[in-house]
Amino acid sequence: MLSIIKLLSAISFIGSVVWFIAQRDYEPAIAIVTSLSAFIAAWFGDKKLKQKATQNQNIGKNGIGIQAGGDVSLGNICTNRKAKDAE
């Protein structure tokens, strides 16, 4: 999905540069600045997503680890029974 955004922003930047060469005015210049900023933001946004994708979890002895993609609300957790499916 992000590669499509990068491609479209690059095409719009090239198109706005061609438009500015054909017609020197403020509107094509604003289009150049806008498309260039979108292209740069797409590259930096991609790097942040790659860095954010790693997870690390440390669990102490006799602890319970719960891994989720967002906020987790825990109710009553019984630890005195041994679960057979978690072995």
C-alpha atoms as a PDB file:
ATOM      1  CA  MET A   1       0.000   0.000   0.000  1.00  0.00           C
ATOM      2  CA  LEU A   2       2.770   2.400   0.898  1.00  0.00           C
ATOM      3  CA  SER A   3       4.645   1.641  -2.331  1.00  0.00           C
ATOM      4  CA  ILE A   4       1.575   2.788  -4.293  1.00  0.00           C
ATOM      5  CA  ILE A   5       1.622   6.060  -2.362  1.00  0.00           C
ATOM      6  CA  LYS A   6       5.332   6.482  -3.115  1.00  0.00           C
ATOM      7  CA  LEU A   7       4.733   5.816  -6.810  1.00  0.00           C
ATOM      8  CA  LEU A   8       1.786   8.216  -7.042  1.00  0.00           C
ATOM      9  CA  SER A   9       3.642  10.975  -5.198  1.00  0.00           C
ATOM     10  CA  ALA A  10       6.663  10.558  -7.493  1.00  0.00           C
ATOM     11  CA  ILE A  11       4.430  10.727 -10.582  1.00  0.00           C
ATOM     12  CA  SER A  12       2.684  13.829  -9.256  1.00  0.00           C
ATOM     13  CA  PHE A  13       6.061  15.460  -8.542  1.00  0.00           C
ATOM     14  CA  ILE A  14       7.274  14.776 -12.079  1.00  0.00           C
ATOM     15  CA  GLY A  15       3.988  16.021 -13.514  1.00  0.00           C
ATOM     16  CA  SER A  16       4.127  19.220 -11.488  1.00  0.00           C
ATOM     17  CA  VAL A  17       7.715  19.898 -12.602  1.00  0.00           C
ATOM     18  CA  VAL A  18       6.656  19.453 -16.254  1.00  0.00           C
ATOM     19  CA  TRP A  19       3.673  21.728 -15.601  1.00  0.00           C
ATOM     20  CA  PHE A  20       5.972  24.361 -14.074  1.00  0.00           C
ATOM     21  CA  ILE A  21       8.305  24.198 -17.101  1.00  0.00           C
ATOM     22  CA  ALA A  22       5.352  24.615 -19.486  1.00  0.00           C
ATOM     23  CA  GLN A  23       3.689  27.392 -17.499  1.00  0.00           C
ATOM     24  CA  ARG A  24       5.722  29.376 -14.991  1.00  0.00           C
ATOM     25  CA  ASP A  25       3.229  30.448 -12.359  1.00  0.00           C
ATOM     26  CA  TYR A  26       2.595  30.123  -8.630  1.00  0.00           C
ATOM     27  CA  GLU A  27       0.123  27.263  -8.916  1.00  0.00           C
ATOM     28  CA  PRO A  28       2.573  24.759 -10.476  1.00  0.00           C
ATOM     29  CA  ALA A  29       5.220  25.873  -7.965  1.00  0.00           C
ATOM     30  CA  ILE A  30       2.845  25.126  -5.094  1.00  0.00           C
ATOM     31  CA  ALA A  31       2.101  21.747  -6.698  1.00  0.00           C
ATOM     32  CA  ILE A  32       5.845  20.997  -6.776  1.00  0.00           C
ATOM     33  CA  VAL A  33       6.262  21.820  -3.087  1.00  0.00           C
ATOM     34  CA  THR A  34       3.170  19.831  -2.110  1.00  0.00           C
ATOM     35  CA  SER A  35       4.037  16.723  -4.126  1.00  0.00           C
ATOM     36  CA  LEU A  36       7.660  16.809  -2.952  1.00  0.00           C
ATOM     37  CA  SER A  37       6.576  17.011   0.690  1.00  0.00           C
ATOM     38  CA  ALA A  38       4.170  14.083   0.157  1.00  0.00           C
ATOM     39  CA  PHE A  39       6.974  12.058  -1.431  1.00  0.00           C
ATOM     40  CA  ILE A  40       9.363  12.769   1.465  1.00  0.00           C
ATOM     41  CA  ALA A  41       6.661  12.011   4.042  1.00  0.00           C
ATOM     42  CA  ALA A  42       5.933   8.666   2.368  1.00  0.00           C
ATOM     43  CA  TRP A  43       9.593   7.642   2.634  1.00  0.00           C
ATOM     44  CA  PHE A  44       9.944   8.683   6.286  1.00  0.00           C
ATOM     45  CA  GLY A  45       6.594   7.117   7.196  1.00  0.00           C
ATOM     46  CA  ASP A  46       7.770   3.811   5.746  1.00  0.00           C
ATOM     47  CA  LYS A  47      10.883   3.823   7.946  1.00  0.00           C
ATOM     48  CA  LYS A  48       8.828   4.493  11.084  1.00  0.00           C
ATOM     49  CA  LEU A  49       6.493   1.584  10.308  1.00  0.00           C
ATOM     50  CA  LYS A  50       9.430  -0.786   9.865  1.00  0.00           C
ATOM     51  CA  GLN A  51      10.952   0.291  13.200  1.00  0.00           C
ATOM     52  CA  LYS A  52       7.617   0.012  15.018  1.00  0.00           C
ATOM     53  CA  ALA A  53       6.975  -3.564  13.888  1.00  0.00           C
ATOM     54  CA  THR A  54       9.341  -5.202  16.381  1.00  0.00           C
ATOM     55  CA  GLN A  55       8.064  -6.448  19.722  1.00  0.00           C
ATOM     56  CA  ASN A  56       9.934  -7.542  22.817  1.00  0.00           C
ATOM     57  CA  GLN A  57       8.519  -9.275  25.854  1.00  0.00           C
ATOM     58  CA  ASN A  58      10.308 -10.346  29.033  1.00  0.00           C
ATOM     59  CA  ILE A  59       8.500 -12.555  31.521  1.00  0.00           C
ATOM     60  CA  GLY A  60       9.819 -13.388  34.944  1.00  0.00           C
ATOM     61  CA  LYS A  61       9.833 -16.829  36.522  1.00  0.00           C
ATOM     62  CA  ASN A  62       6.312 -18.025  37.384  1.00  0.00           C
ATOM     63  CA  GLY A  63       4.896 -15.132  35.315  1.00  0.00           C
ATOM     64  CA  ILE A  64       2.210 -14.978  32.669  1.00  0.00           C
ATOM     65  CA  GLY A  65       2.867 -13.273  29.355  1.00  0.00           C
ATOM     66  CA  ILE A  66       0.001 -11.809  27.363  1.00  0.00           C
ATOM     67  CA  GLN A  67       0.817 -10.430  23.939  1.00  0.00           C
ATOM     68  CA  ALA A  68      -1.691  -8.307  22.046  1.00  0.00           C
ATOM     69  CA  GLY A  69      -1.711  -5.677  19.349  1.00  0.00           C
ATOM     70  CA  GLY A  70      -3.354  -3.011  21.508  1.00  0.00           C
ATOM     71  CA  ASP A  71      -4.673  -2.283  24.981  1.00  0.00           C
ATOM     72  CA  VAL A  72      -5.456  -5.339  27.085  1.00  0.00           C
ATOM     73  CA  SER A  73      -7.838  -5.549  30.009  1.00  0.00           C
ATOM     74  CA  LEU A  74      -7.270  -8.510  32.305  1.00  0.00           C
ATOM     75  CA  GLY A  75      -9.875 -10.024  34.528  1.00  0.00           C
ATOM     76  CA  ASN A  76      -9.294 -12.825  37.006  1.00  0.00           C
ATOM     77  CA  ILE A  77      -6.352 -14.995  35.958  1.00  0.00           C
ATOM     78  CA  CYS A  78      -6.089 -18.340  37.725  1.00  0.00           C
ATOM     79  CA  THR A  79      -2.499 -19.529  37.817  1.00  0.00           C
ATOM     80  CA  ASN A  80      -2.918 -22.523  40.102  1.00  0.00           C
ATOM     81  CA  ARG A  81      -4.189 -24.796  37.292  1.00  0.00           C
ATOM     82  CA  LYS A  82      -1.761 -26.041  34.682  1.00  0.00           C
ATOM     83  CA  ALA A  83      -2.989 -25.521  31.126  1.00  0.00           C
ATOM     84  CA  LYS A  84      -2.341 -28.493  28.853  1.00  0.00           C
ATOM     85  CA  ASP A  85      -2.565 -26.551  25.578  1.00  0.00           C
ATOM     86  CA  ALA A  86       0.220 -24.127  26.510  1.00  0.00           C
ATOM     87  CA  GLU A  87       2.911 -26.772  26.924  1.00  0.00           C
END
